[in-house]
Amino acid sequence: MEVLYNAGIMALASMFVGVLPLAMGIVYAVWPNEQRLALMRPLSLATVFAAVAGVAVGFINSLLFIVRGDTVTFSAPFFVGIAESLVTLFTGFGCLTVAWLCVTIGLWRRP
């Protein structure tokens, strides 16, 4: 939970985007129809792009941390920044995995 507390606005926004296809996948699993299924592809693409953008911003911030220091060294805070930037990727793709599993359930239940 400390990672979420320390996350910036871009990281939080990119993780929030991952919740949208997850919610749509759950709704589709309960009430399957073509309109909901059609929304899954653009929501999934938005989540992929948001996750990649979140990682890129995390890498940029970590590299700026190195550049702004007196000497260029790869220290523990740098590696913590890199690890925290990967949280957005993990969250985004984790949400997509569960969302598409819900879509699979919805497709199985569909008449």
PDB file of N, CA and C in Angstrom:
ATOM      1  N   MET A   1       0.810  -1.201   0.000  1.00  0.00           N
ATOM      2  CA  MET A   1       0.000   0.000   0.000  1.00  0.00           C
ATOM      3  C   MET A   1       0.849   1.259   0.000  1.00  0.00           C
ATOM      4  N   GLU A   2       2.080   1.148   0.463  1.00  0.00           N
ATOM      5  CA  GLU A   2       2.960   2.310   0.477  1.00  0.00           C
ATOM      6  C   GLU A   2       3.260   2.788  -0.939  1.00  0.00           C
ATOM      7  N   VAL A   3       3.290   1.858  -1.885  1.00  0.00           N
ATOM      8  CA  VAL A   3       3.538   2.226  -3.276  1.00  0.00           C
ATOM      9  C   VAL A   3       2.423   3.115  -3.789  1.00  0.00           C
ATOM     10  N   LEU A   4       1.177   2.784  -3.475  1.00  0.00           N
ATOM     11  CA  LEU A   4       0.061   3.614  -3.915  1.00  0.00           C
ATOM     12  C   LEU A   4       0.064   4.970  -3.237  1.00  0.00           C
ATOM     13  N   TYR A   5       0.487   5.009  -1.981  1.00  0.00           N
ATOM     14  CA  TYR A   5       0.539   6.278  -1.257  1.00  0.00           C
ATOM     15  C   TYR A   5       1.580   7.216  -1.871  1.00  0.00           C
ATOM     16  N   ASN A   6       2.689   6.655  -2.321  1.00  0.00           N
ATOM     17  CA  ASN A   6       3.774   7.461  -2.898  1.00  0.00           C
ATOM     18  C   ASN A   6       3.626   7.680  -4.392  1.00  0.00           C
ATOM     19  N   ALA A   7       2.643   7.063  -5.023  1.00  0.00           N
ATOM     20  CA  ALA A   7       2.494   7.158  -6.475  1.00  0.00           C
ATOM     21  C   ALA A   7       2.078   8.562  -6.889  1.00  0.00           C
ATOM     22  N   GLY A   8       2.583   8.964  -8.037  1.00  0.00           N
ATOM     23  CA  GLY A   8       2.227  10.265  -8.594  1.00  0.00           C
ATOM     24  C   GLY A   8       0.883  10.205  -9.299  1.00  0.00           C
ATOM     25  N   ILE A   9       0.480  11.361  -9.810  1.00  0.00           N
ATOM     26  CA  ILE A   9      -0.830  11.468 -10.458  1.00  0.00           C
ATOM     27  C   ILE A   9      -0.871  10.637 -11.728  1.00  0.00           C
ATOM     28  N   MET A  10       0.213  10.586 -12.481  1.00  0.00           N
ATOM     29  CA  MET A  10       0.239   9.802 -13.718  1.00  0.00           C
ATOM     30  C   MET A  10       0.144   8.306 -13.414  1.00  0.00           C
ATOM     31  N   ALA A  11       0.845   7.854 -12.390  1.00  0.00           N
ATOM     32  CA  ALA A  11       0.787   6.439 -12.024  1.00  0.00           C
ATOM     33  C   ALA A  11      -0.617   6.055 -11.570  1.00  0.00           C
ATOM     34  N   LEU A  12      -1.220   6.891 -10.761  1.00  0.00           N
ATOM     35  CA  LEU A  12      -2.577   6.599 -10.293  1.00  0.00           C
ATOM     36  C   LEU A  12      -3.586   6.606 -11.444  1.00  0.00           C
ATOM     37  N   ALA A  13      -3.416   7.555 -12.362  1.00  0.00           N
ATOM     38  CA  ALA A  13      -4.328   7.616 -13.511  1.00  0.00           C
ATOM     39  C   ALA A  13      -4.172   6.392 -14.397  1.00  0.00           C
ATOM     40  N   SER A  14      -2.939   5.963 -14.632  1.00  0.00           N
ATOM     41  CA  SER A  14      -2.741   4.798 -15.498  1.00  0.00           C
ATOM     42  C   SER A  14      -3.241   3.523 -14.824  1.00  0.00           C
ATOM     43  N   MET A  15      -3.170   3.459 -13.501  1.00  0.00           N
ATOM     44  CA  MET A  15      -3.722   2.295 -12.813  1.00  0.00           C
ATOM     45  C   MET A  15      -5.252   2.341 -12.794  1.00  0.00           C
ATOM     46  N   PHE A  16      -5.836   3.526 -12.725  1.00  0.00           N
ATOM     47  CA  PHE A  16      -7.293   3.656 -12.739  1.00  0.00           C
ATOM     48  C   PHE A  16      -7.867   3.207 -14.078  1.00  0.00           C
ATOM     49  N   VAL A  17      -7.153   3.477 -15.170  1.00  0.00           N
ATOM     50  CA  VAL A  17      -7.637   3.077 -16.489  1.00  0.00           C
ATOM     51  C   VAL A  17      -7.784   1.562 -16.561  1.00  0.00           C
ATOM     52  N   GLY A  18      -6.927   0.823 -15.848  1.00  0.00           N
ATOM     53  CA  GLY A  18      -7.017  -0.632 -15.837  1.00  0.00           C
ATOM     54  C   GLY A  18      -8.264  -1.163 -15.169  1.00  0.00           C
ATOM     55  N   VAL A  19      -8.865  -0.368 -14.325  1.00  0.00           N
ATOM     56  CA  VAL A  19     -10.081  -0.797 -13.626  1.00  0.00           C
ATOM     57  C   VAL A  19     -11.291  -0.756 -14.568  1.00  0.00           C
ATOM     58  N   LEU A  20     -11.254   0.091 -15.584  1.00  0.00           N
ATOM     59  CA  LEU A  20     -12.400   0.228 -16.489  1.00  0.00           C
ATOM     60  C   LEU A  20     -12.700  -1.064 -17.261  1.00  0.00           C
ATOM     61  N   PRO A  21     -11.719  -1.688 -17.943  1.00  0.00           N
ATOM     62  CA  PRO A  21     -12.067  -2.946 -18.609  1.00  0.00           C
ATOM     63  C   PRO A  21     -12.398  -4.066 -17.620  1.00  0.00           C
ATOM     64  N   LEU A  22     -11.815  -4.000 -16.428  1.00  0.00           N
ATOM     65  CA  LEU A  22     -12.151  -4.997 -15.407  1.00  0.00           C
ATOM     66  C   LEU A  22     -13.628  -4.899 -15.040  1.00  0.00           C
ATOM     67  N   ALA A  23     -14.105  -3.690 -14.822  1.00  0.00           N
ATOM     68  CA  ALA A  23     -15.526  -3.494 -14.503  1.00  0.00           C
ATOM     69  C   ALA A  23     -16.406  -3.919 -15.673  1.00  0.00           C
ATOM     70  N   MET A  24     -15.990  -3.581 -16.893  1.00  0.00           N
ATOM     71  CA  MET A  24     -16.774  -3.961 -18.065  1.00  0.00           C
ATOM     72  C   MET A  24     -16.778  -5.478 -18.251  1.00  0.00           C
ATOM     73  N   GLY A  25     -15.660  -6.124 -17.958  1.00  0.00           N
ATOM     74  CA  GLY A  25     -15.600  -7.581 -18.053  1.00  0.00           C
ATOM     75  C   GLY A  25     -16.531  -8.254 -17.060  1.00  0.00           C
ATOM     76  N   ILE A  26     -16.581  -7.714 -15.852  1.00  0.00           N
ATOM     77  CA  ILE A  26     -17.489  -8.265 -14.839  1.00  0.00           C
ATOM     78  C   ILE A  26     -18.945  -8.062 -15.254  1.00  0.00           C
ATOM     79  N   VAL A  27     -19.248  -6.866 -15.756  1.00  0.00           N
ATOM     80  CA  VAL A  27     -20.613  -6.590 -16.215  1.00  0.00           C
ATOM     81  C   VAL A  27     -20.968  -7.524 -17.372  1.00  0.00           C
ATOM     82  N   TYR A  28     -20.019  -7.760 -18.291  1.00  0.00           N
ATOM     83  CA  TYR A  28     -20.284  -8.650 -19.419  1.00  0.00           C
ATOM     84  C   TYR A  28     -20.484 -10.089 -18.954  1.00  0.00           C
ATOM     85  N   ALA A  29     -19.746 -10.506 -17.940  1.00  0.00           N
ATOM     86  CA  ALA A  29     -19.920 -11.872 -17.431  1.00  0.00           C
ATOM     87  C   ALA A  29     -21.317 -12.062 -16.850  1.00  0.00           C
ATOM     88  N   VAL A  30     -21.869 -11.003 -16.247  1.00  0.00           N
ATOM     89  CA  VAL A  30     -23.197 -11.103 -15.637  1.00  0.00           C
ATOM     90  C   VAL A  30     -24.302 -10.915 -16.679  1.00  0.00           C
ATOM     91  N   TRP A  31     -24.169  -9.898 -17.537  1.00  0.00           N
ATOM     92  CA  TRP A  31     -25.170  -9.577 -18.545  1.00  0.00           C
ATOM     93  C   TRP A  31     -24.513  -9.497 -19.919  1.00  0.00           C
ATOM     94  N   PRO A  32     -24.239 -10.615 -20.566  1.00  0.00           N
ATOM     95  CA  PRO A  32     -23.536 -10.578 -21.852  1.00  0.00           C
ATOM     96  C   PRO A  32     -24.414 -10.045 -22.992  1.00  0.00           C
ATOM     97  N   ASN A  33     -23.867  -9.084 -23.747  1.00  0.00           N
ATOM     98  CA  ASN A  33     -24.477  -8.650 -25.002  1.00  0.00           C
ATOM     99  C   ASN A  33     -23.370  -8.076 -25.908  1.00  0.00           C
ATOM    100  N   GLU A  34     -23.714  -7.850 -27.147  1.00  0.00           N
ATOM    101  CA  GLU A  34     -22.721  -7.444 -28.149  1.00  0.00           C
ATOM    102  C   GLU A  34     -22.117  -6.064 -27.869  1.00  0.00           C
ATOM    103  N   GLN A  35     -22.913  -5.127 -27.362  1.00  0.00           N
ATOM    104  CA  GLN A  35     -22.416  -3.779 -27.107  1.00  0.00           C
ATOM    105  C   GLN A  35     -21.321  -3.784 -26.042  1.00  0.00           C
ATOM    106  N   ARG A  36     -21.522  -4.546 -25.008  1.00  0.00           N
ATOM    107  CA  ARG A  36     -20.513  -4.621 -23.944  1.00  0.00           C
ATOM    108  C   ARG A  36     -19.246  -5.299 -24.441  1.00  0.00           C
ATOM    109  N   LEU A  37     -19.428  -6.332 -25.256  1.00  0.00           N
ATOM    110  CA  LEU A  37     -18.267  -7.015 -25.815  1.00  0.00           C
ATOM    111  C   LEU A  37     -17.497  -6.100 -26.760  1.00  0.00           C
ATOM    112  N   ALA A  38     -18.211  -5.290 -27.518  1.00  0.00           N
ATOM    113  CA  ALA A  38     -17.553  -4.357 -28.438  1.00  0.00           C
ATOM    114  C   ALA A  38     -16.741  -3.300 -27.693  1.00  0.00           C
ATOM    115  N   LEU A  39     -17.126  -2.957 -26.482  1.00  0.00           N
ATOM    116  CA  LEU A  39     -16.380  -1.971 -25.694  1.00  0.00           C
ATOM    117  C   LEU A  39     -15.089  -2.533 -25.096  1.00  0.00           C
ATOM    118  N   MET A  40     -14.995  -3.835 -25.005  1.00  0.00           N
ATOM    119  CA  MET A  40     -13.821  -4.430 -24.363  1.00  0.00           C
ATOM    120  C   MET A  40     -12.526  -4.161 -25.141  1.00  0.00           C
ATOM    121  N   ARG A  41     -12.560  -4.218 -26.458  1.00  0.00           N
ATOM    122  CA  ARG A  41     -11.338  -4.005 -27.241  1.00  0.00           C
ATOM    123  C   ARG A  41     -10.770  -2.595 -27.058  1.00  0.00           C
ATOM    124  N   PRO A  42     -11.552  -1.518 -27.226  1.00  0.00           N
ATOM    125  CA  PRO A  42     -10.964  -0.188 -27.013  1.00  0.00           C
ATOM    126  C   PRO A  42     -10.554   0.069 -25.563  1.00  0.00           C
ATOM    127  N   LEU A  43     -11.317  -0.479 -24.612  1.00  0.00           N
ATOM    128  CA  LEU A  43     -10.920  -0.310 -23.213  1.00  0.00           C
ATOM    129  C   LEU A  43      -9.619  -1.069 -22.921  1.00  0.00           C
ATOM    130  N   SER A  44      -9.454  -2.226 -23.536  1.00  0.00           N
ATOM    131  CA  SER A  44      -8.215  -2.982 -23.358  1.00  0.00           C
ATOM    132  C   SER A  44      -7.028  -2.241 -23.965  1.00  0.00           C
ATOM    133  N   LEU A  45      -7.213  -1.680 -25.142  1.00  0.00           N
ATOM    134  CA  LEU A  45      -6.132  -0.905 -25.757  1.00  0.00           C
ATOM    135  C   LEU A  45      -5.774   0.309 -24.911  1.00  0.00           C
ATOM    136  N   ALA A  46      -6.775   0.977 -24.379  1.00  0.00           N
ATOM    137  CA  ALA A  46      -6.510   2.134 -23.520  1.00  0.00           C
ATOM    138  C   ALA A  46      -5.715   1.714 -22.289  1.00  0.00           C
ATOM    139  N   THR A  47      -6.019   0.552 -21.739  1.00  0.00           N
ATOM    140  CA  THR A  47      -5.289   0.065 -20.572  1.00  0.00           C
ATOM    141  C   THR A  47      -3.846  -0.265 -20.924  1.00  0.00           C
ATOM    142  N   VAL A  48      -3.627  -0.897 -22.060  1.00  0.00           N
ATOM    143  CA  VAL A  48      -2.254  -1.207 -22.487  1.00  0.00           C
ATOM    144  C   VAL A  48      -1.456   0.078 -22.665  1.00  0.00           C
ATOM    145  N   PHE A  49      -2.037   1.051 -23.349  1.00  0.00           N
ATOM    146  CA  PHE A  49      -1.328   2.311 -23.568  1.00  0.00           C
ATOM    147  C   PHE A  49      -1.080   3.051 -22.255  1.00  0.00           C
ATOM    148  N   ALA A  50      -2.040   3.037 -21.358  1.00  0.00           N
ATOM    149  CA  ALA A  50      -1.865   3.705 -20.067  1.00  0.00           C
ATOM    150  C   ALA A  50      -0.790   3.019 -19.235  1.00  0.00           C
ATOM    151  N   ALA A  51      -0.743   1.695 -19.262  1.00  0.00           N
ATOM    152  CA  ALA A  51       0.275   0.967 -18.506  1.00  0.00           C
ATOM    153  C   ALA A  51       1.668   1.252 -19.045  1.00  0.00           C
ATOM    154  N   VAL A  52       1.808   1.256 -20.356  1.00  0.00           N
ATOM    155  CA  VAL A  52       3.110   1.550 -20.963  1.00  0.00           C
ATOM    156  C   VAL A  52       3.514   2.997 -20.686  1.00  0.00           C
ATOM    157  N   ALA A  53       2.550   3.912 -20.748  1.00  0.00           N
ATOM    158  CA  ALA A  53       2.855   5.315 -20.445  1.00  0.00           C
ATOM    159  C   ALA A  53       3.251   5.488 -18.985  1.00  0.00           C
ATOM    160  N   GLY A  54       2.601   4.761 -18.089  1.00  0.00           N
ATOM    161  CA  GLY A  54       2.959   4.831 -16.672  1.00  0.00           C
ATOM    162  C   GLY A  54       4.371   4.335 -16.417  1.00  0.00           C
ATOM    163  N   VAL A  55       4.770   3.258 -17.094  1.00  0.00           N
ATOM    164  CA  VAL A  55       6.136   2.751 -16.958  1.00  0.00           C
ATOM    165  C   VAL A  55       7.128   3.752 -17.529  1.00  0.00           C
ATOM    166  N   ALA A  56       6.788   4.328 -18.680  1.00  0.00           N
ATOM    167  CA  ALA A  56       7.688   5.306 -19.298  1.00  0.00           C
ATOM    168  C   ALA A  56       7.899   6.520 -18.394  1.00  0.00           C
ATOM    169  N   VAL A  57       6.828   7.014 -17.792  1.00  0.00           N
ATOM    170  CA  VAL A  57       6.957   8.157 -16.887  1.00  0.00           C
ATOM    171  C   VAL A  57       7.797   7.779 -15.664  1.00  0.00           C
ATOM    172  N   GLY A  58       7.612   6.568 -15.157  1.00  0.00           N
ATOM    173  CA  GLY A  58       8.426   6.113 -14.031  1.00  0.00           C
ATOM    174  C   GLY A  58       9.901   6.029 -14.383  1.00  0.00           C
ATOM    175  N   PHE A  59      10.207   5.511 -15.576  1.00  0.00           N
ATOM    176  CA  PHE A  59      11.609   5.459 -16.016  1.00  0.00           C
ATOM    177  C   PHE A  59      12.180   6.859 -16.199  1.00  0.00           C
ATOM    178  N   ILE A  60      11.385   7.756 -16.772  1.00  0.00           N
ATOM    179  CA  ILE A  60      11.838   9.134 -16.960  1.00  0.00           C
ATOM    180  C   ILE A  60      12.156   9.775 -15.613  1.00  0.00           C
ATOM    181  N   ASN A  61      11.268   9.605 -14.647  1.00  0.00           N
ATOM    182  CA  ASN A  61      11.508  10.178 -13.319  1.00  0.00           C
ATOM    183  C   ASN A  61      12.728   9.570 -12.646  1.00  0.00           C
ATOM    184  N   SER A  62      12.944   8.273 -12.824  1.00  0.00           N
ATOM    185  CA  SER A  62      14.115   7.626 -12.237  1.00  0.00           C
ATOM    186  C   SER A  62      15.401   8.130 -12.878  1.00  0.00           C
ATOM    187  N   LEU A  63      15.382   8.314 -14.190  1.00  0.00           N
ATOM    188  CA  LEU A  63      16.566   8.836 -14.867  1.00  0.00           C
ATOM    189  C   LEU A  63      16.826  10.288 -14.492  1.00  0.00           C
ATOM    190  N   LEU A  64      15.775  11.062 -14.311  1.00  0.00           N
ATOM    191  CA  LEU A  64      15.953  12.446 -13.854  1.00  0.00           C
ATOM    192  C   LEU A  64      16.546  12.489 -12.451  1.00  0.00           C
ATOM    193  N   PHE A  65      16.192  11.520 -11.612  1.00  0.00           N
ATOM    194  CA  PHE A  65      16.769  11.437 -10.267  1.00  0.00           C
ATOM    195  C   PHE A  65      18.282  11.253 -10.343  1.00  0.00           C
ATOM    196  N   ILE A  66      18.720  10.416 -11.274  1.00  0.00           N
ATOM    197  CA  ILE A  66      20.167  10.191 -11.426  1.00  0.00           C
ATOM    198  C   ILE A  66      20.849  11.445 -11.936  1.00  0.00           C
ATOM    199  N   VAL A  67      20.270  12.073 -12.939  1.00  0.00           N
ATOM    200  CA  VAL A  67      20.896  13.235 -13.567  1.00  0.00           C
ATOM    201  C   VAL A  67      21.000  14.404 -12.596  1.00  0.00           C
ATOM    202  N   ARG A  68      20.032  14.573 -11.748  1.00  0.00           N
ATOM    203  CA  ARG A  68      20.022  15.713 -10.825  1.00  0.00           C
ATOM    204  C   ARG A  68      20.955  15.524  -9.630  1.00  0.00           C
ATOM    205  N   GLY A  69      21.492  14.333  -9.452  1.00  0.00           N
ATOM    206  CA  GLY A  69      22.431  14.094  -8.353  1.00  0.00           C
ATOM    207  C   GLY A  69      23.813  14.661  -8.673  1.00  0.00           C
ATOM    208  N   ASP A  70      24.653  14.732  -7.662  1.00  0.00           N
ATOM    209  CA  ASP A  70      26.005  15.254  -7.858  1.00  0.00           C
ATOM    210  C   ASP A  70      26.853  14.310  -8.698  1.00  0.00           C
ATOM    211  N   THR A  71      26.778  13.043  -8.403  1.00  0.00           N
ATOM    212  CA  THR A  71      27.501  12.051  -9.187  1.00  0.00           C
ATOM    213  C   THR A  71      26.507  11.057  -9.770  1.00  0.00           C
ATOM    214  N   VAL A  72      26.837  10.552 -10.918  1.00  0.00           N
ATOM    215  CA  VAL A  72      25.950   9.605 -11.580  1.00  0.00           C
ATOM    216  C   VAL A  72      26.233   8.210 -11.030  1.00  0.00           C
ATOM    217  N   THR A  73      25.353   7.754 -10.144  1.00  0.00           N
ATOM    218  CA  THR A  73      25.466   6.410  -9.575  1.00  0.00           C
ATOM    219  C   THR A  73      24.093   5.764  -9.563  1.00  0.00           C
ATOM    220  N   PHE A  74      24.110   4.471  -9.698  1.00  0.00           N
ATOM    221  CA  PHE A  74      22.874   3.714  -9.606  1.00  0.00           C
ATOM    222  C   PHE A  74      22.694   3.304  -8.153  1.00  0.00           C
ATOM    223  N   SER A  75      21.926   4.094  -7.426  1.00  0.00           N
ATOM    224  CA  SER A  75      21.752   3.877  -5.994  1.00  0.00           C
ATOM    225  C   SER A  75      20.422   3.166  -5.721  1.00  0.00           C
ATOM    226  N   ALA A  76      20.206   2.864  -4.466  1.00  0.00           N
ATOM    227  CA  ALA A  76      18.976   2.175  -4.060  1.00  0.00           C
ATOM    228  C   ALA A  76      17.718   2.973  -4.413  1.00  0.00           C
ATOM    229  N   PRO A  77      17.666   4.298  -4.213  1.00  0.00           N
ATOM    230  CA  PRO A  77      16.456   5.034  -4.595  1.00  0.00           C
ATOM    231  C   PRO A  77      16.147   4.945  -6.093  1.00  0.00           C
ATOM    232  N   PHE A  78      17.185   4.837  -6.908  1.00  0.00           N
ATOM    233  CA  PHE A  78      16.956   4.674  -8.347  1.00  0.00           C
ATOM    234  C   PHE A  78      16.229   3.362  -8.628  1.00  0.00           C
ATOM    235  N   PHE A  79      16.701   2.296  -8.021  1.00  0.00           N
ATOM    236  CA  PHE A  79      16.092   0.992  -8.254  1.00  0.00           C
ATOM    237  C   PHE A  79      14.690   0.906  -7.646  1.00  0.00           C
ATOM    238  N   VAL A  80      14.468   1.605  -6.556  1.00  0.00           N
ATOM    239  CA  VAL A  80      13.120   1.664  -5.986  1.00  0.00           C
ATOM    240  C   VAL A  80      12.184   2.384  -6.954  1.00  0.00           C
ATOM    241  N   GLY A  81      12.666   3.453  -7.575  1.00  0.00           N
ATOM    242  CA  GLY A  81      11.859   4.173  -8.559  1.00  0.00           C
ATOM    243  C   GLY A  81      11.522   3.313  -9.765  1.00  0.00           C
ATOM    244  N   ILE A  82      12.489   2.540 -10.230  1.00  0.00           N
ATOM    245  CA  ILE A  82      12.235   1.631 -11.351  1.00  0.00           C
ATOM    246  C   ILE A  82      11.206   0.571 -10.945  1.00  0.00           C
ATOM    247  N   ALA A  83      11.368   0.016  -9.743  1.00  0.00           N
ATOM    248  CA  ALA A  83      10.424  -1.009  -9.276  1.00  0.00           C
ATOM    249  C   ALA A  83       9.020  -0.422  -9.126  1.00  0.00           C
ATOM    250  N   GLU A  84       8.918   0.782  -8.606  1.00  0.00           N
ATOM    251  CA  GLU A  84       7.601   1.404  -8.446  1.00  0.00           C
ATOM    252  C   GLU A  84       6.966   1.724  -9.787  1.00  0.00           C
ATOM    253  N   SER A  85       7.781   2.025 -10.794  1.00  0.00           N
ATOM    254  CA  SER A  85       7.202   2.306 -12.110  1.00  0.00           C
ATOM    255  C   SER A  85       6.627   1.049 -12.742  1.00  0.00           C
ATOM    256  N   LEU A  86       7.123  -0.109 -12.366  1.00  0.00           N
ATOM    257  CA  LEU A  86       6.598  -1.354 -12.906  1.00  0.00           C
ATOM    258  C   LEU A  86       5.261  -1.746 -12.282  1.00  0.00           C
ATOM    259  N   VAL A  87       4.882  -1.103 -11.181  1.00  0.00           N
ATOM    260  CA  VAL A  87       3.592  -1.393 -10.542  1.00  0.00           C
ATOM    261  C   VAL A  87       2.445  -1.052 -11.484  1.00  0.00           C
ATOM    262  N   THR A  88       2.575   0.026 -12.252  1.00  0.00           N
ATOM    263  CA  THR A  88       1.510   0.392 -13.193  1.00  0.00           C
ATOM    264  C   THR A  88       1.335  -0.679 -14.262  1.00  0.00           C
ATOM    265  N   LEU A  89       2.439  -1.237 -14.723  1.00  0.00           N
ATOM    266  CA  LEU A  89       2.377  -2.299 -15.727  1.00  0.00           C
ATOM    267  C   LEU A  89       1.722  -3.554 -15.150  1.00  0.00           C
ATOM    268  N   PHE A  90       2.127  -3.925 -13.948  1.00  0.00           N
ATOM    269  CA  PHE A  90       1.555  -5.093 -13.282  1.00  0.00           C
ATOM    270  C   PHE A  90       0.061  -4.918 -13.051  1.00  0.00           C
ATOM    271  N   THR A  91      -0.332  -3.753 -12.581  1.00  0.00           N
ATOM    272  CA  THR A  91      -1.748  -3.488 -12.304  1.00  0.00           C
ATOM    273  C   THR A  91      -2.569  -3.516 -13.584  1.00  0.00           C
ATOM    274  N   GLY A  92      -2.073  -2.847 -14.619  1.00  0.00           N
ATOM    275  CA  GLY A  92      -2.807  -2.792 -15.880  1.00  0.00           C
ATOM    276  C   GLY A  92      -3.018  -4.166 -16.494  1.00  0.00           C
ATOM    277  N   PHE A  93      -1.937  -4.939 -16.583  1.00  0.00           N
ATOM    278  CA  PHE A  93      -2.068  -6.249 -17.212  1.00  0.00           C
ATOM    279  C   PHE A  93      -2.760  -7.258 -16.301  1.00  0.00           C
ATOM    280  N   GLY A  94      -2.650  -7.084 -15.007  1.00  0.00           N
ATOM    281  CA  GLY A  94      -3.414  -7.934 -14.090  1.00  0.00           C
ATOM    282  C   GLY A  94      -4.907  -7.706 -14.236  1.00  0.00           C
ATOM    283  N   CYS A  95      -5.299  -6.442 -14.321  1.00  0.00           N
ATOM    284  CA  CYS A  95      -6.720  -6.123 -14.530  1.00  0.00           C
ATOM    285  C   CYS A  95      -7.209  -6.651 -15.872  1.00  0.00           C
ATOM    286  N   LEU A  96      -6.361  -6.541 -16.907  1.00  0.00           N
ATOM    287  CA  LEU A  96      -6.760  -7.062 -18.211  1.00  0.00           C
ATOM    288  C   LEU A  96      -6.925  -8.575 -18.196  1.00  0.00           C
ATOM    289  N   THR A  97      -6.069  -9.260 -17.470  1.00  0.00           N
ATOM    290  CA  THR A  97      -6.185 -10.715 -17.376  1.00  0.00           C
ATOM    291  C   THR A  97      -7.515 -11.119 -16.765  1.00  0.00           C
ATOM    292  N   VAL A  98      -7.847 -10.518 -15.653  1.00  0.00           N
ATOM    293  CA  VAL A  98      -9.113 -10.849 -14.987  1.00  0.00           C
ATOM    294  C   VAL A  98     -10.305 -10.419 -15.842  1.00  0.00           C
ATOM    295  N   ALA A  99     -10.182  -9.260 -16.514  1.00  0.00           N
ATOM    296  CA  ALA A  99     -11.282  -8.771 -17.350  1.00  0.00           C
ATOM    297  C   ALA A  99     -11.573  -9.740 -18.487  1.00  0.00           C
ATOM    298  N   TRP A 100     -10.522 -10.228 -19.135  1.00  0.00           N
ATOM    299  CA  TRP A 100     -10.757 -11.136 -20.260  1.00  0.00           C
ATOM    300  C   TRP A 100     -11.186 -12.522 -19.790  1.00  0.00           C
ATOM    301  N   LEU A 101     -10.816 -12.912 -18.592  1.00  0.00           N
ATOM    302  CA  LEU A 101     -11.367 -14.151 -18.037  1.00  0.00           C
ATOM    303  C   LEU A 101     -12.866 -13.997 -17.779  1.00  0.00           C
ATOM    304  N   CYS A 102     -13.275 -12.819 -17.332  1.00  0.00           N
ATOM    305  CA  CYS A 102     -14.707 -12.551 -17.157  1.00  0.00           C
ATOM    306  C   CYS A 102     -15.433 -12.559 -18.505  1.00  0.00           C
ATOM    307  N   VAL A 103     -14.792 -12.020 -19.541  1.00  0.00           N
ATOM    308  CA  VAL A 103     -15.386 -12.055 -20.874  1.00  0.00           C
ATOM    309  C   VAL A 103     -15.546 -13.499 -21.337  1.00  0.00           C
ATOM    310  N   THR A 104     -14.552 -14.333 -21.026  1.00  0.00           N
ATOM    311  CA  THR A 104     -14.653 -15.744 -21.385  1.00  0.00           C
ATOM    312  C   THR A 104     -15.854 -16.389 -20.704  1.00  0.00           C
ATOM    313  N   ILE A 105     -16.066 -16.071 -19.446  1.00  0.00           N
ATOM    314  CA  ILE A 105     -17.248 -16.586 -18.740  1.00  0.00           C
ATOM    315  C   ILE A 105     -18.516 -16.082 -19.398  1.00  0.00           C
ATOM    316  N   GLY A 106     -18.538 -14.806 -19.774  1.00  0.00           N
ATOM    317  CA  GLY A 106     -19.715 -14.250 -20.438  1.00  0.00           C
ATOM    318  C   GLY A 106     -19.982 -14.909 -21.787  1.00  0.00           C
ATOM    319  N   LEU A 107     -18.925 -15.190 -22.538  1.00  0.00           N
ATOM    320  CA  LEU A 107     -19.101 -15.868 -23.818  1.00  0.00           C
ATOM    321  C   LEU A 107     -19.612 -17.290 -23.630  1.00  0.00           C
ATOM    322  N   TRP A 108     -19.179 -17.921 -22.582  1.00  0.00           N
ATOM    323  CA  TRP A 108     -19.616 -19.278 -22.280  1.00  0.00           C
ATOM    324  C   TRP A 108     -21.099 -19.295 -21.884  1.00  0.00           C
ATOM    325  N   ARG A 109     -21.527 -18.237 -21.168  1.00  0.00           N
ATOM    326  CA  ARG A 109     -22.911 -18.163 -20.699  1.00  0.00           C
ATOM    327  C   ARG A 109     -23.875 -17.679 -21.770  1.00  0.00           C
ATOM    328  N   ARG A 110     -23.359 -17.036 -22.805  1.00  0.00           N
ATOM    329  CA  ARG A 110     -24.224 -16.432 -23.817  1.00  0.00           C
ATOM    330  C   ARG A 110     -25.061 -17.482 -24.533  1.00  0.00           C
ATOM    331  N   PRO A 111     -26.300 -17.143 -24.830  1.00  0.00           N
ATOM    332  CA  PRO A 111     -27.164 -18.111 -25.534  1.00  0.00           C
ATOM    333  C   PRO A 111     -26.736 -18.330 -26.971  1.00  0.00           C
TER     334      PRO A 111
END
